[in-house]
């Protein structure tokens, strides 16, 4: 098998294995727990949940 084929085969095997290892690590270290709280992290007092504060082209969002 030529060298480019071996490199391609190694990449095809290495990338999914690395992704599975990262998923297993995240699950064992509690990174996947409490997804409901993690979804609220971008919000604060200036931009509360449920309030449209985005602007497009410097125009306020339509209510």
N, C-alpha and C. Protein backbone atom coordinates (compact mmCIF):
# COMPACT_ATOMS: atom_id res chain seq x y z
N UNK A 1 0.86 -1.17 0.00
CA UNK A 1 0.00 0.00 0.00
C UNK A 1 0.90 1.24 0.00
N UNK A 2 0.60 2.20 -0.85
CA UNK A 2 1.44 3.41 -0.90
C UNK A 2 1.29 4.25 0.37
N UNK A 3 2.27 5.09 0.59
CA UNK A 3 2.33 5.92 1.80
C UNK A 3 1.10 6.82 1.96
N UNK A 4 0.61 7.50 0.90
CA UNK A 4 -0.60 8.32 1.10
C UNK A 4 -1.80 7.50 1.55
N UNK A 5 -1.91 6.28 1.06
CA UNK A 5 -3.00 5.41 1.49
C UNK A 5 -2.89 5.06 2.96
N UNK A 6 -1.70 4.82 3.44
CA UNK A 6 -1.50 4.52 4.87
C UNK A 6 -1.82 5.73 5.73
N UNK A 7 -1.43 6.90 5.26
CA UNK A 7 -1.73 8.13 6.01
C UNK A 7 -3.23 8.35 6.07
N UNK A 8 -3.92 8.14 4.96
CA UNK A 8 -5.36 8.29 4.92
C UNK A 8 -6.04 7.28 5.83
N UNK A 9 -5.60 6.05 5.81
CA UNK A 9 -6.18 5.01 6.67
C UNK A 9 -5.94 5.34 8.14
N UNK A 10 -4.75 5.82 8.48
CA UNK A 10 -4.46 6.19 9.87
C UNK A 10 -5.37 7.35 10.32
N UNK A 11 -5.59 8.30 9.44
CA UNK A 11 -6.47 9.42 9.79
C UNK A 11 -7.91 8.99 9.96
N UNK A 12 -8.36 8.08 9.08
CA UNK A 12 -9.73 7.59 9.17
C UNK A 12 -9.96 6.84 10.47
N UNK A 13 -8.95 6.20 10.97
CA UNK A 13 -9.07 5.48 12.23
C UNK A 13 -8.82 6.37 13.45
N UNK A 14 -7.90 7.30 13.32
CA UNK A 14 -7.50 8.11 14.47
C UNK A 14 -8.55 9.14 14.87
N UNK A 15 -9.19 9.77 13.92
CA UNK A 15 -10.13 10.84 14.23
C UNK A 15 -11.34 10.31 15.01
N UNK A 16 -12.01 9.25 14.57
CA UNK A 16 -13.14 8.75 15.38
C UNK A 16 -12.71 8.22 16.74
N UNK A 17 -11.54 7.60 16.80
CA UNK A 17 -11.06 7.12 18.10
C UNK A 17 -10.79 8.27 19.05
N UNK A 18 -10.22 9.35 18.55
CA UNK A 18 -9.98 10.52 19.38
C UNK A 18 -11.30 11.15 19.84
N UNK A 19 -12.29 11.17 18.98
CA UNK A 19 -13.59 11.73 19.35
C UNK A 19 -14.26 10.87 20.41
N UNK A 20 -14.20 9.56 20.26
CA UNK A 20 -14.77 8.67 21.27
C UNK A 20 -14.04 8.79 22.60
N UNK A 21 -12.72 8.93 22.56
CA UNK A 21 -11.95 9.10 23.79
C UNK A 21 -12.35 10.41 24.48
N UNK A 22 -12.52 11.49 23.71
CA UNK A 22 -12.90 12.78 24.28
C UNK A 22 -14.30 12.71 24.89
N UNK A 23 -15.22 12.00 24.23
CA UNK A 23 -16.57 11.85 24.76
C UNK A 23 -16.55 11.05 26.05
N UNK A 24 -15.76 9.98 26.08
CA UNK A 24 -15.65 9.17 27.30
C UNK A 24 -15.04 9.98 28.44
N UNK A 25 -14.01 10.78 28.14
CA UNK A 25 -13.38 11.61 29.16
C UNK A 25 -14.40 12.61 29.71
N UNK A 26 -15.15 13.27 28.82
CA UNK A 26 -16.12 14.27 29.26
C UNK A 26 -17.20 13.65 30.13
N UNK A 27 -17.65 12.46 29.77
CA UNK A 27 -18.68 11.79 30.56
C UNK A 27 -18.15 11.38 31.93
N UNK A 28 -16.92 10.92 32.00
CA UNK A 28 -16.37 10.47 33.28
C UNK A 28 -15.98 11.62 34.20
N UNK A 29 -15.78 12.82 33.65
CA UNK A 29 -15.41 13.98 34.46
C UNK A 29 -16.59 14.92 34.72
N UNK A 30 -17.79 14.49 34.40
CA UNK A 30 -18.97 15.28 34.70
C UNK A 30 -19.21 16.46 33.80
N UNK A 31 -18.57 16.50 32.65
CA UNK A 31 -18.73 17.63 31.75
C UNK A 31 -20.08 17.62 31.03
N UNK A 32 -20.74 16.48 30.98
CA UNK A 32 -22.00 16.38 30.26
C UNK A 32 -23.21 16.54 31.17
N UNK A 33 -22.98 16.64 32.45
CA UNK A 33 -24.09 16.79 33.38
C UNK A 33 -24.56 18.23 33.48
N UNK A 34 -25.77 18.41 33.91
CA UNK A 34 -26.35 19.73 34.15
C UNK A 34 -26.40 20.58 32.89
N UNK A 35 -26.85 19.98 31.80
CA UNK A 35 -26.97 20.71 30.54
C UNK A 35 -27.97 21.84 30.60
N UNK A 36 -28.98 21.70 31.46
CA UNK A 36 -29.98 22.76 31.58
C UNK A 36 -29.38 24.02 32.19
N UNK A 37 -28.48 23.86 33.16
CA UNK A 37 -27.82 25.04 33.73
C UNK A 37 -26.80 25.63 32.78
N UNK A 38 -26.12 24.78 32.01
CA UNK A 38 -25.11 25.27 31.08
C UNK A 38 -25.75 26.10 29.97
N UNK A 39 -26.99 25.79 29.61
CA UNK A 39 -27.68 26.54 28.57
C UNK A 39 -27.98 27.97 29.00
N UNK A 40 -28.01 28.24 30.29
CA UNK A 40 -28.33 29.58 30.79
C UNK A 40 -27.09 30.43 31.04
N UNK A 41 -25.90 29.90 30.84
CA UNK A 41 -24.67 30.64 31.11
C UNK A 41 -24.53 31.94 30.31
N UNK A 42 -24.97 32.04 29.06
CA UNK A 42 -24.78 33.30 28.33
C UNK A 42 -25.63 34.45 28.85
N UNK A 43 -26.60 34.18 29.69
CA UNK A 43 -27.52 35.22 30.15
C UNK A 43 -27.07 35.80 31.48
N UNK A 44 -27.34 37.10 31.69
CA UNK A 44 -27.03 37.77 32.95
C UNK A 44 -28.09 38.83 33.21
N UNK A 45 -27.81 39.78 34.11
CA UNK A 45 -28.79 40.80 34.47
C UNK A 45 -29.06 41.75 33.30
N UNK A 46 -28.06 42.03 32.47
CA UNK A 46 -28.23 42.94 31.35
C UNK A 46 -29.01 42.30 30.20
N UNK A 47 -28.93 40.99 30.08
CA UNK A 47 -29.63 40.27 29.02
C UNK A 47 -30.31 39.05 29.65
N UNK A 48 -31.47 39.26 30.26
CA UNK A 48 -32.13 38.15 30.96
C UNK A 48 -32.76 37.16 29.98
N UNK A 49 -33.05 35.99 30.50
CA UNK A 49 -33.67 34.93 29.70
C UNK A 49 -35.06 35.37 29.27
N UNK A 50 -35.38 35.19 27.99
CA UNK A 50 -36.71 35.50 27.49
C UNK A 50 -36.90 36.92 27.01
N UNK A 51 -35.89 37.77 27.13
CA UNK A 51 -35.99 39.16 26.68
C UNK A 51 -35.16 39.34 25.42
N UNK A 52 -35.77 39.83 24.37
CA UNK A 52 -35.05 40.05 23.11
C UNK A 52 -34.24 41.33 23.21
N UNK A 53 -32.93 41.21 23.25
CA UNK A 53 -32.06 42.38 23.32
C UNK A 53 -31.14 42.47 22.11
N UNK A 54 -31.31 41.58 21.14
CA UNK A 54 -30.45 41.58 19.96
C UNK A 54 -30.80 42.73 19.03
N UNK A 55 -29.80 43.20 18.32
CA UNK A 55 -30.00 44.25 17.33
C UNK A 55 -29.38 43.80 16.03
N UNK A 56 -30.05 44.11 14.93
CA UNK A 56 -29.52 43.82 13.61
C UNK A 56 -29.36 45.14 12.89
N UNK A 57 -28.16 45.44 12.47
CA UNK A 57 -27.85 46.69 11.76
C UNK A 57 -28.25 47.91 12.60
N UNK A 58 -27.96 47.85 13.89
CA UNK A 58 -28.20 48.94 14.84
C UNK A 58 -29.67 49.31 14.97
N UNK A 59 -30.57 48.43 14.63
CA UNK A 59 -31.99 48.66 14.83
C UNK A 59 -32.49 47.70 15.90
N UNK A 60 -33.29 48.18 16.84
CA UNK A 60 -33.80 47.29 17.87
C UNK A 60 -34.64 46.17 17.28
N UNK A 61 -34.68 45.06 17.97
CA UNK A 61 -35.49 43.93 17.51
C UNK A 61 -36.96 44.26 17.59
N UNK A 62 -37.73 43.74 16.66
CA UNK A 62 -39.17 43.98 16.67
C UNK A 62 -39.81 43.15 17.76
N UNK A 63 -40.76 43.73 18.49
CA UNK A 63 -41.40 42.97 19.58
C UNK A 63 -42.29 41.85 19.08
